[in-house]
């Protein structure tokens, strides 16, 4: 078997032919697959290793990457996250969605994200969904946008981000935190738990700011 640990543009699937940043990676996979008799072992990543707490907009590429892994006979897959970061929503979400897709790649990624948020945040999930929409919509309209687990493509550069967008994302979660404190339906313990979970979301735009 051949082990591949690669790093390119994670905003687009490696197999998205419109992404020129991943062209060399595609060439490598194609070339190695011609001589591989036992398939591949893949080591990929679901975190920003130059800034763990950054928002990594790669949920649109995970599914297609996993489907291609199946096609080329991947026998083992390690998607490395940041398990050492306690109460970090982005890592927990990536871990959950990745495992669900490894089990069944045809699942709807957006539906999986919303299901996780619903299970984890209950009636406050709508604020976390809105938070994700703020980020995803911002990246979607940026011209020729690429993301990386490192500082490639100026992904971590301040000029990549709009301060107002980051403040808006943080404020949406703060609104939820404020409501939790006033929620008469929750016990003191449940309030503390929900507030802790929501702060695990808010830490990302705070860190980016």
Protein backbone atom coordinates (compact mmCIF):
# COMPACT_ATOMS: atom_id res chain seq x y z
CA UNK A 1 0.00 0.00 0.00
CA UNK A 2 1.06 3.60 -0.56
CA UNK A 3 0.65 6.20 2.19
CA UNK A 4 -0.35 9.67 1.01
CA UNK A 5 -0.24 12.66 3.35
CA UNK A 6 -1.08 15.71 1.32
CA UNK A 7 -1.80 19.40 1.80
CA UNK A 8 -3.42 21.62 -0.77
CA UNK A 9 -6.58 23.66 -1.06
CA UNK A 10 -9.10 22.15 1.34
CA UNK A 11 -11.90 24.54 0.33
CA UNK A 12 -12.21 22.50 -2.88
CA UNK A 13 -12.16 18.75 -3.17
CA UNK A 14 -8.85 17.39 -4.39
CA UNK A 15 -10.84 16.00 -7.33
CA UNK A 16 -12.47 19.33 -8.24
CA UNK A 17 -10.84 19.98 -11.62
CA UNK A 18 -11.68 23.68 -11.40
CA UNK A 19 -9.21 24.12 -8.52
CA UNK A 20 -5.79 24.72 -10.01
CA UNK A 21 -4.19 24.67 -6.55
CA UNK A 22 -4.77 20.91 -6.28
CA UNK A 23 -3.61 20.00 -9.78
CA UNK A 24 -0.23 18.65 -8.63
CA UNK A 25 -1.89 16.53 -5.94
CA UNK A 26 -4.25 15.02 -8.51
CA UNK A 27 -1.27 14.21 -10.73
CA UNK A 28 0.46 12.46 -7.84
CA UNK A 29 -2.58 10.34 -7.01
CA UNK A 30 -3.02 9.38 -10.66
CA UNK A 31 0.63 8.42 -11.07
CA UNK A 32 0.87 6.42 -7.84
CA UNK A 33 -2.40 4.59 -8.50
CA UNK A 34 -0.87 3.11 -11.66
CA UNK A 35 1.75 1.19 -9.70
CA UNK A 36 -0.07 0.59 -6.42
CA UNK A 37 -1.10 -3.04 -5.97
CA UNK A 38 -2.63 -2.67 -2.51
CA UNK A 39 -4.36 0.68 -2.69
CA UNK A 40 -3.72 3.69 -0.51
CA UNK A 41 -3.41 4.72 3.11
CA UNK A 42 -4.56 8.35 3.48
CA UNK A 43 -3.49 10.82 6.13
CA UNK A 44 -5.44 14.04 5.78
CA UNK A 45 -6.37 16.89 8.07
CA UNK A 46 -9.40 18.69 9.51
CA UNK A 47 -7.76 21.57 11.34
CA UNK A 48 -5.75 24.71 10.68
CA UNK A 49 -2.29 23.84 11.96
CA UNK A 50 -1.03 27.41 11.93
CA UNK A 51 -4.00 28.44 14.08
CA UNK A 52 -6.07 25.66 15.61
CA UNK A 53 -9.01 27.88 16.51
CA UNK A 54 -9.58 29.25 13.00
CA UNK A 55 -12.75 28.52 11.05
CA UNK A 56 -11.82 25.88 8.46
CA UNK A 57 -14.29 26.01 5.54
CA UNK A 58 -13.74 22.50 4.22
CA UNK A 59 -17.11 20.85 4.82
CA UNK A 60 -17.93 21.31 1.14
CA UNK A 61 -14.98 19.10 0.12
CA UNK A 62 -14.89 16.27 2.69
CA UNK A 63 -17.68 14.21 1.11
CA UNK A 64 -16.22 14.22 -2.40
CA UNK A 65 -12.76 13.42 -1.07
CA UNK A 66 -14.10 10.42 0.85
CA UNK A 67 -16.04 9.19 -2.18
CA UNK A 68 -12.88 9.32 -4.28
CA UNK A 69 -10.95 7.50 -1.56
CA UNK A 70 -13.44 4.67 -1.97
CA UNK A 71 -12.98 4.63 -5.73
CA UNK A 72 -9.19 4.29 -5.55
CA UNK A 73 -9.30 1.57 -2.91
CA UNK A 74 -8.21 3.37 0.23
CA UNK A 75 -7.83 0.75 2.96
CA UNK A 76 -7.11 3.05 5.89
CA UNK A 77 -7.91 6.70 6.54
CA UNK A 78 -6.64 8.99 9.29
CA UNK A 79 -8.24 12.45 9.35
CA UNK A 80 -6.20 14.29 11.94
CA UNK A 81 -7.89 16.94 14.03
CA UNK A 82 -6.95 18.71 17.26
CA UNK A 83 -8.29 16.48 20.06
CA UNK A 84 -6.10 18.23 22.60
CA UNK A 85 -8.18 21.43 22.30
CA UNK A 86 -10.77 21.11 25.06
CA UNK A 87 -14.34 22.21 24.34
CA UNK A 88 -13.57 23.36 20.81
CA UNK A 89 -16.72 23.16 18.70
CA UNK A 90 -15.02 23.17 15.30
CA UNK A 91 -12.98 20.06 16.11
CA UNK A 92 -15.93 18.24 17.65
CA UNK A 93 -18.10 18.96 14.61
CA UNK A 94 -15.40 17.89 12.15
CA UNK A 95 -14.88 14.68 14.08
CA UNK A 96 -18.60 13.81 14.13
CA UNK A 97 -19.31 14.65 10.48
CA UNK A 98 -16.16 12.87 9.27
CA UNK A 99 -17.03 9.67 11.09
CA UNK A 100 -20.58 9.73 9.75
CA UNK A 101 -19.30 10.18 6.18
CA UNK A 102 -16.70 7.42 6.59
CA UNK A 103 -19.58 5.10 7.44
CA UNK A 104 -21.80 6.28 4.57
CA UNK A 105 -20.44 8.79 2.07
CA UNK A 106 -23.79 9.59 0.41
CA UNK A 107 -25.13 11.47 3.42
CA UNK A 108 -25.99 15.17 3.15
CA UNK A 109 -23.23 17.15 4.87
CA UNK A 110 -25.41 20.17 5.65
CA UNK A 111 -28.02 17.89 7.18
CA UNK A 112 -25.34 16.21 9.31
CA UNK A 113 -24.10 19.58 10.56
CA UNK A 114 -27.60 20.71 11.47
CA UNK A 115 -28.31 17.38 13.19
CA UNK A 116 -25.16 17.68 15.29
CA UNK A 117 -26.02 21.25 16.25
CA UNK A 118 -29.55 20.20 17.17
CA UNK A 119 -28.31 17.33 19.35
CA UNK A 120 -25.58 19.39 21.01
CA UNK A 121 -27.25 22.79 21.42
CA UNK A 122 -30.96 21.98 21.51
CA UNK A 123 -33.15 25.04 21.02
CA UNK A 124 -30.01 27.19 20.71
CA UNK A 125 -28.91 25.33 17.58
CA UNK A 126 -30.52 28.00 15.37
CA UNK A 127 -27.94 30.52 16.57
CA UNK A 128 -25.06 28.19 15.76
CA UNK A 129 -26.56 27.46 12.32
CA UNK A 130 -26.79 31.21 11.70
CA UNK A 131 -23.18 31.60 12.86
CA UNK A 132 -22.06 29.03 10.28
CA UNK A 133 -24.12 30.72 7.57
CA UNK A 134 -22.34 34.01 8.27
CA UNK A 135 -18.95 32.42 7.65
CA UNK A 136 -19.94 30.17 4.75
CA UNK A 137 -21.76 32.92 2.87
CA UNK A 138 -18.76 35.22 3.31
CA UNK A 139 -16.35 32.69 1.81
CA UNK A 140 -18.77 31.70 -0.98
CA UNK A 141 -18.76 35.15 -2.58
CA UNK A 142 -15.01 35.77 -2.35
CA UNK A 143 -13.31 35.68 -5.74
CA UNK A 144 -10.91 32.79 -6.37
CA UNK A 145 -10.97 31.78 -2.72
CA UNK A 146 -8.81 28.89 -1.46
CA UNK A 147 -8.26 27.60 2.07
CA UNK A 148 -5.47 25.62 3.64
CA UNK A 149 -4.52 23.90 6.90
CA UNK A 150 -1.41 26.12 6.83
CA UNK A 151 -0.89 29.77 5.88
CA UNK A 152 -0.92 28.97 2.15
CA UNK A 153 -3.06 31.12 -0.20
CA UNK A 154 -2.99 33.93 2.42
CA UNK A 155 -5.71 32.00 4.24
CA UNK A 156 -4.60 33.29 7.66
CA UNK A 157 -3.78 36.80 6.47
CA UNK A 158 -5.81 39.62 8.09
CA UNK A 159 -6.85 40.99 4.71
CA UNK A 160 -8.68 37.71 3.99
CA UNK A 161 -11.29 38.56 6.60
CA UNK A 162 -13.80 41.31 7.19
CA UNK A 163 -13.80 42.50 10.80
CA UNK A 164 -17.53 43.23 10.68
CA UNK A 165 -18.23 39.64 9.64
CA UNK A 166 -16.16 38.25 12.53
CA UNK A 167 -17.91 40.57 15.01
CA UNK A 168 -21.30 39.58 13.61
CA UNK A 169 -20.48 35.87 14.05
CA UNK A 170 -19.27 36.41 17.61
CA UNK A 171 -22.30 38.55 18.50
CA UNK A 172 -24.76 35.91 17.28
CA UNK A 173 -23.28 33.41 19.72
CA UNK A 174 -23.11 36.00 22.50
CA UNK A 175 -26.83 36.61 21.98
CA UNK A 176 -27.44 32.90 22.56
CA UNK A 177 -25.24 32.94 25.68
CA UNK A 178 -27.21 35.88 27.08
CA UNK A 179 -30.48 34.03 26.49
CA UNK A 180 -29.15 30.92 28.20
CA UNK A 181 -28.45 32.94 31.35
CA UNK A 182 -32.11 34.04 31.40
CA UNK A 183 -33.58 30.64 30.48
CA UNK A 184 -35.96 29.63 33.27
CA UNK A 185 -36.34 26.13 31.80
CA UNK A 186 -32.70 25.25 32.48
CA UNK A 187 -31.17 24.31 35.79
CA UNK A 188 -28.03 26.08 36.99
CA UNK A 189 -25.94 23.09 35.92
CA UNK A 190 -27.58 22.93 32.48
CA UNK A 191 -27.06 26.67 32.02
CA UNK A 192 -23.37 26.31 32.79
CA UNK A 193 -23.05 23.39 30.38
CA UNK A 194 -24.84 25.16 27.52
CA UNK A 195 -22.91 28.36 28.06
CA UNK A 196 -19.66 26.38 27.97
CA UNK A 197 -20.67 24.73 24.71
CA UNK A 198 -21.57 28.06 23.12
CA UNK A 199 -18.30 29.62 24.26
CA UNK A 200 -16.59 26.75 22.44
CA UNK A 201 -18.16 28.21 19.28
CA UNK A 202 -17.52 31.87 20.03
CA UNK A 203 -13.81 31.25 20.68
CA UNK A 204 -13.23 30.95 16.91
CA UNK A 205 -14.25 34.48 15.81
CA UNK A 206 -12.69 35.86 19.02
CA UNK A 207 -9.40 34.20 18.16
CA UNK A 208 -9.57 35.36 14.55
CA UNK A 209 -10.26 38.93 15.66
